[in-house]
Amino acid sequence: MKHYWQTYKETVERLFGPLTLKDGIPEEDIIEVEKHLGFRFPQVLRDFYLLAGERSDLNDSHDHLIDYDELVVEGNTLVFYADNQGVVFWGIPINTSLFKNNGPRQTTTKMPTKALKNQRQKRVPKAKIAIE
């Protein structure tokens, strides 16, 4: 059986073109953010940022992978993904041993902190809504 990341790379190459070194975040940059947050990213999230964290056609075409240097902890959850309207967010709880082993994700429709509100402003154009 192929390693997950090899299969992922092959799939991305078929659909979008090959991944290159510039598509990933440099490890030293990730380490700096991890030091700031006070913990190491879950391995699968870390691996993804290293492999394709800068690849906008994968990370921003509909929903949005939050930039590695804009990750925040909301409550006790590392929030890493937002839907295209900035309404639903995904995160990994950091207070369990599962965090170290790529534990379950959590979703919420509660608007996280100010840092994540910036994600919504970046991604969602303002629109007028008419109610009839």
C-alpha atoms as a PDB file:
ATOM      1  CA  MET A   1       0.000   0.000   0.000  1.00  0.00           C
ATOM      2  CA  LYS A   2       1.311   3.414  -0.938  1.00  0.00           C
ATOM      3  CA  HIS A   3       2.014   5.985   1.710  1.00  0.00           C
ATOM      4  CA  TYR A   4      -0.831   8.514   2.030  1.00  0.00           C
ATOM      5  CA  TRP A   5       1.235  11.521   0.971  1.00  0.00           C
ATOM      6  CA  GLN A   6       2.525   9.764  -2.154  1.00  0.00           C
ATOM      7  CA  THR A   7      -1.046   8.988  -3.194  1.00  0.00           C
ATOM      8  CA  TYR A   8      -2.021  12.585  -2.426  1.00  0.00           C
ATOM      9  CA  LYS A   9       0.835  13.955  -4.566  1.00  0.00           C
ATOM     10  CA  GLU A  10      -0.115  11.715  -7.485  1.00  0.00           C
ATOM     11  CA  THR A  11      -3.761  12.772  -7.260  1.00  0.00           C
ATOM     12  CA  VAL A  12      -2.878  16.476  -7.126  1.00  0.00           C
ATOM     13  CA  GLU A  13      -0.554  16.050 -10.091  1.00  0.00           C
ATOM     14  CA  ARG A  14      -3.299  14.431 -12.172  1.00  0.00           C
ATOM     15  CA  LEU A  15      -5.886  17.077 -11.267  1.00  0.00           C
ATOM     16  CA  PHE A  16      -3.897  20.305 -10.850  1.00  0.00           C
ATOM     17  CA  GLY A  17      -0.294  19.764 -11.896  1.00  0.00           C
ATOM     18  CA  PRO A  18       2.729  18.702  -9.867  1.00  0.00           C
ATOM     19  CA  LEU A  19       3.553  19.928  -6.387  1.00  0.00           C
ATOM     20  CA  THR A  20       6.853  21.768  -6.165  1.00  0.00           C
ATOM     21  CA  LEU A  21       9.063  22.865  -3.281  1.00  0.00           C
ATOM     22  CA  LYS A  22       7.584  26.383  -3.463  1.00  0.00           C
ATOM     23  CA  ASP A  23       4.120  24.941  -2.746  1.00  0.00           C
ATOM     24  CA  GLY A  24       5.095  24.077   0.825  1.00  0.00           C
ATOM     25  CA  ILE A  25       5.780  26.246   3.848  1.00  0.00           C
ATOM     26  CA  PRO A  26       9.423  26.153   4.992  1.00  0.00           C
ATOM     27  CA  GLU A  27       9.776  24.081   8.151  1.00  0.00           C
ATOM     28  CA  GLU A  28      11.595  26.861   9.989  1.00  0.00           C
ATOM     29  CA  ASP A  29       8.554  29.124   9.464  1.00  0.00           C
ATOM     30  CA  ILE A  30       6.233  26.471  10.874  1.00  0.00           C
ATOM     31  CA  ILE A  31       8.543  25.962  13.862  1.00  0.00           C
ATOM     32  CA  GLU A  32       8.423  29.705  14.573  1.00  0.00           C
ATOM     33  CA  VAL A  33       4.603  29.688  14.657  1.00  0.00           C
ATOM     34  CA  GLU A  34       4.574  26.525  16.783  1.00  0.00           C
ATOM     35  CA  LYS A  35       6.862  28.247  19.305  1.00  0.00           C
ATOM     36  CA  HIS A  36       4.549  31.251  19.355  1.00  0.00           C
ATOM     37  CA  LEU A  37       1.480  29.062  19.946  1.00  0.00           C
ATOM     38  CA  GLY A  38       3.310  26.930  22.506  1.00  0.00           C
ATOM     39  CA  PHE A  39       2.762  23.529  20.893  1.00  0.00           C
ATOM     40  CA  ARG A  40       3.626  21.489  17.826  1.00  0.00           C
ATOM     41  CA  PHE A  41       0.980  21.196  15.109  1.00  0.00           C
ATOM     42  CA  PRO A  42      -0.709  17.809  14.738  1.00  0.00           C
ATOM     43  CA  GLN A  43       1.522  15.784  12.423  1.00  0.00           C
ATOM     44  CA  VAL A  44      -0.931  15.499   9.533  1.00  0.00           C
ATOM     45  CA  LEU A  45      -1.592  19.266   9.547  1.00  0.00           C
ATOM     46  CA  ARG A  46       2.123  19.992   9.796  1.00  0.00           C
ATOM     47  CA  ASP A  47       2.847  17.615   6.908  1.00  0.00           C
ATOM     48  CA  PHE A  48       0.189  19.276   4.764  1.00  0.00           C
ATOM     49  CA  TYR A  49       1.549  22.782   5.362  1.00  0.00           C
ATOM     50  CA  LEU A  50       5.056  21.498   4.539  1.00  0.00           C
ATOM     51  CA  LEU A  51       3.827  19.848   1.334  1.00  0.00           C
ATOM     52  CA  ALA A  52       1.177  22.215  -0.026  1.00  0.00           C
ATOM     53  CA  GLY A  53       0.491  25.044   2.418  1.00  0.00           C
ATOM     54  CA  GLU A  54       1.079  27.717  -0.240  1.00  0.00           C
ATOM     55  CA  ARG A  55      -0.915  26.005  -2.990  1.00  0.00           C
ATOM     56  CA  SER A  56      -3.930  28.297  -3.468  1.00  0.00           C
ATOM     57  CA  ASP A  57      -5.654  26.117  -6.074  1.00  0.00           C
ATOM     58  CA  LEU A  58      -5.911  23.411  -3.403  1.00  0.00           C
ATOM     59  CA  ASN A  59      -6.412  25.555  -0.305  1.00  0.00           C
ATOM     60  CA  ASP A  60      -8.554  28.468  -1.471  1.00  0.00           C
ATOM     61  CA  SER A  61     -10.625  27.320  -4.420  1.00  0.00           C
ATOM     62  CA  HIS A  62     -13.796  26.950  -2.345  1.00  0.00           C
ATOM     63  CA  ASP A  63     -13.265  26.579   1.395  1.00  0.00           C
ATOM     64  CA  HIS A  64     -10.099  27.917   2.980  1.00  0.00           C
ATOM     65  CA  LEU A  65      -7.124  26.413   4.766  1.00  0.00           C
ATOM     66  CA  ILE A  66      -6.158  29.113   7.249  1.00  0.00           C
ATOM     67  CA  ASP A  67      -2.655  30.408   6.663  1.00  0.00           C
ATOM     68  CA  TYR A  68      -0.190  28.706   8.996  1.00  0.00           C
ATOM     69  CA  ASP A  69       0.858  32.036  10.515  1.00  0.00           C
ATOM     70  CA  GLU A  70      -2.768  33.043  11.189  1.00  0.00           C
ATOM     71  CA  LEU A  71      -3.803  29.918  13.085  1.00  0.00           C
ATOM     72  CA  VAL A  72      -5.531  30.607  16.384  1.00  0.00           C
ATOM     73  CA  VAL A  73      -6.692  28.660  19.384  1.00  0.00           C
ATOM     74  CA  GLU A  74     -10.390  29.185  20.063  1.00  0.00           C
ATOM     75  CA  GLY A  75     -11.440  27.763  23.393  1.00  0.00           C
ATOM     76  CA  ASN A  76      -9.227  24.714  23.504  1.00  0.00           C
ATOM     77  CA  THR A  77      -9.214  24.009  19.754  1.00  0.00           C
ATOM     78  CA  LEU A  78      -6.658  24.817  17.065  1.00  0.00           C
ATOM     79  CA  VAL A  79      -8.778  26.258  14.238  1.00  0.00           C
ATOM     80  CA  PHE A  80      -7.275  25.495  10.813  1.00  0.00           C
ATOM     81  CA  TYR A  81     -10.051  25.581   8.196  1.00  0.00           C
ATOM     82  CA  ALA A  82     -12.975  27.850   7.302  1.00  0.00           C
ATOM     83  CA  ASP A  83     -15.841  27.442   4.894  1.00  0.00           C
ATOM     84  CA  ASN A  84     -16.109  29.790   1.942  1.00  0.00           C
ATOM     85  CA  GLN A  85     -18.541  32.086   3.763  1.00  0.00           C
ATOM     86  CA  GLY A  86     -16.572  32.282   7.002  1.00  0.00           C
ATOM     87  CA  VAL A  87     -19.452  30.715   8.924  1.00  0.00           C
ATOM     88  CA  VAL A  88     -18.234  27.187   9.711  1.00  0.00           C
ATOM     89  CA  PHE A  89     -14.740  26.503  11.048  1.00  0.00           C
ATOM     90  CA  TRP A  90     -12.866  23.258  11.609  1.00  0.00           C
ATOM     91  CA  GLY A  91     -10.375  22.582  14.362  1.00  0.00           C
ATOM     92  CA  ILE A  92      -8.548  19.965  16.380  1.00  0.00           C
ATOM     93  CA  PRO A  93      -8.939  19.903  20.189  1.00  0.00           C
ATOM     94  CA  ILE A  94      -5.554  20.474  21.827  1.00  0.00           C
ATOM     95  CA  ASN A  95      -6.326  19.221  25.329  1.00  0.00           C
ATOM     96  CA  THR A  96      -6.292  15.520  24.513  1.00  0.00           C
ATOM     97  CA  SER A  97      -3.638  13.014  23.619  1.00  0.00           C
ATOM     98  CA  LEU A  98      -5.460  12.655  20.311  1.00  0.00           C
ATOM     99  CA  PHE A  99      -4.079  16.068  19.294  1.00  0.00           C
ATOM    100  CA  LYS A 100      -0.659  14.487  18.993  1.00  0.00           C
ATOM    101  CA  ASN A 101      -2.105  11.596  16.991  1.00  0.00           C
ATOM    102  CA  ASN A 102      -4.228  13.567  14.536  1.00  0.00           C
ATOM    103  CA  GLY A 103      -7.393  13.320  16.574  1.00  0.00           C
ATOM    104  CA  PRO A 104     -10.947  14.087  15.520  1.00  0.00           C
ATOM    105  CA  ARG A 105     -11.813  17.439  14.098  1.00  0.00           C
ATOM    106  CA  GLN A 106     -14.518  19.648  15.507  1.00  0.00           C
ATOM    107  CA  THR A 107     -16.777  21.997  13.615  1.00  0.00           C
ATOM    108  CA  THR A 108     -18.557  25.098  14.791  1.00  0.00           C
ATOM    109  CA  THR A 109     -20.699  27.842  13.349  1.00  0.00           C
ATOM    110  CA  LYS A 110     -19.691  30.212  16.146  1.00  0.00           C
ATOM    111  CA  MET A 111     -17.584  33.024  14.741  1.00  0.00           C
ATOM    112  CA  PRO A 112     -14.124  32.641  16.256  1.00  0.00           C
ATOM    113  CA  THR A 113     -11.894  35.437  17.451  1.00  0.00           C
ATOM    114  CA  LYS A 114     -10.941  38.605  15.618  1.00  0.00           C
ATOM    115  CA  ALA A 115      -8.065  36.848  13.838  1.00  0.00           C
ATOM    116  CA  LEU A 116     -10.515  34.563  12.074  1.00  0.00           C
ATOM    117  CA  LYS A 117     -12.881  37.385  11.253  1.00  0.00           C
ATOM    118  CA  ASN A 118     -10.023  38.633   9.062  1.00  0.00           C
ATOM    119  CA  GLN A 119     -10.224  35.345   7.128  1.00  0.00           C
ATOM    120  CA  ARG A 120     -13.871  36.017   6.385  1.00  0.00           C
ATOM    121  CA  GLN A 121     -13.149  39.558   5.247  1.00  0.00           C
ATOM    122  CA  LYS A 122     -10.390  38.325   2.932  1.00  0.00           C
ATOM    123  CA  ARG A 123     -12.480  35.610   1.333  1.00  0.00           C
ATOM    124  CA  VAL A 124     -16.085  36.795   1.203  1.00  0.00           C
ATOM    125  CA  PRO A 125     -17.080  39.798  -0.885  1.00  0.00           C
ATOM    126  CA  LYS A 126     -19.622  42.049   0.778  1.00  0.00           C
ATOM    127  CA  ALA A 127     -23.058  41.685  -0.734  1.00  0.00           C
ATOM    128  CA  LYS A 128     -26.417  43.294  -0.169  1.00  0.00           C
ATOM    129  CA  ILE A 129     -29.200  40.914   0.724  1.00  0.00           C
ATOM    130  CA  ALA A 130     -32.730  41.898  -0.109  1.00  0.00           C
ATOM    131  CA  ILE A 131     -35.566  40.374   1.886  1.00  0.00           C
ATOM    132  CA  GLU A 132     -38.938  40.484   0.214  1.00  0.00           C
END
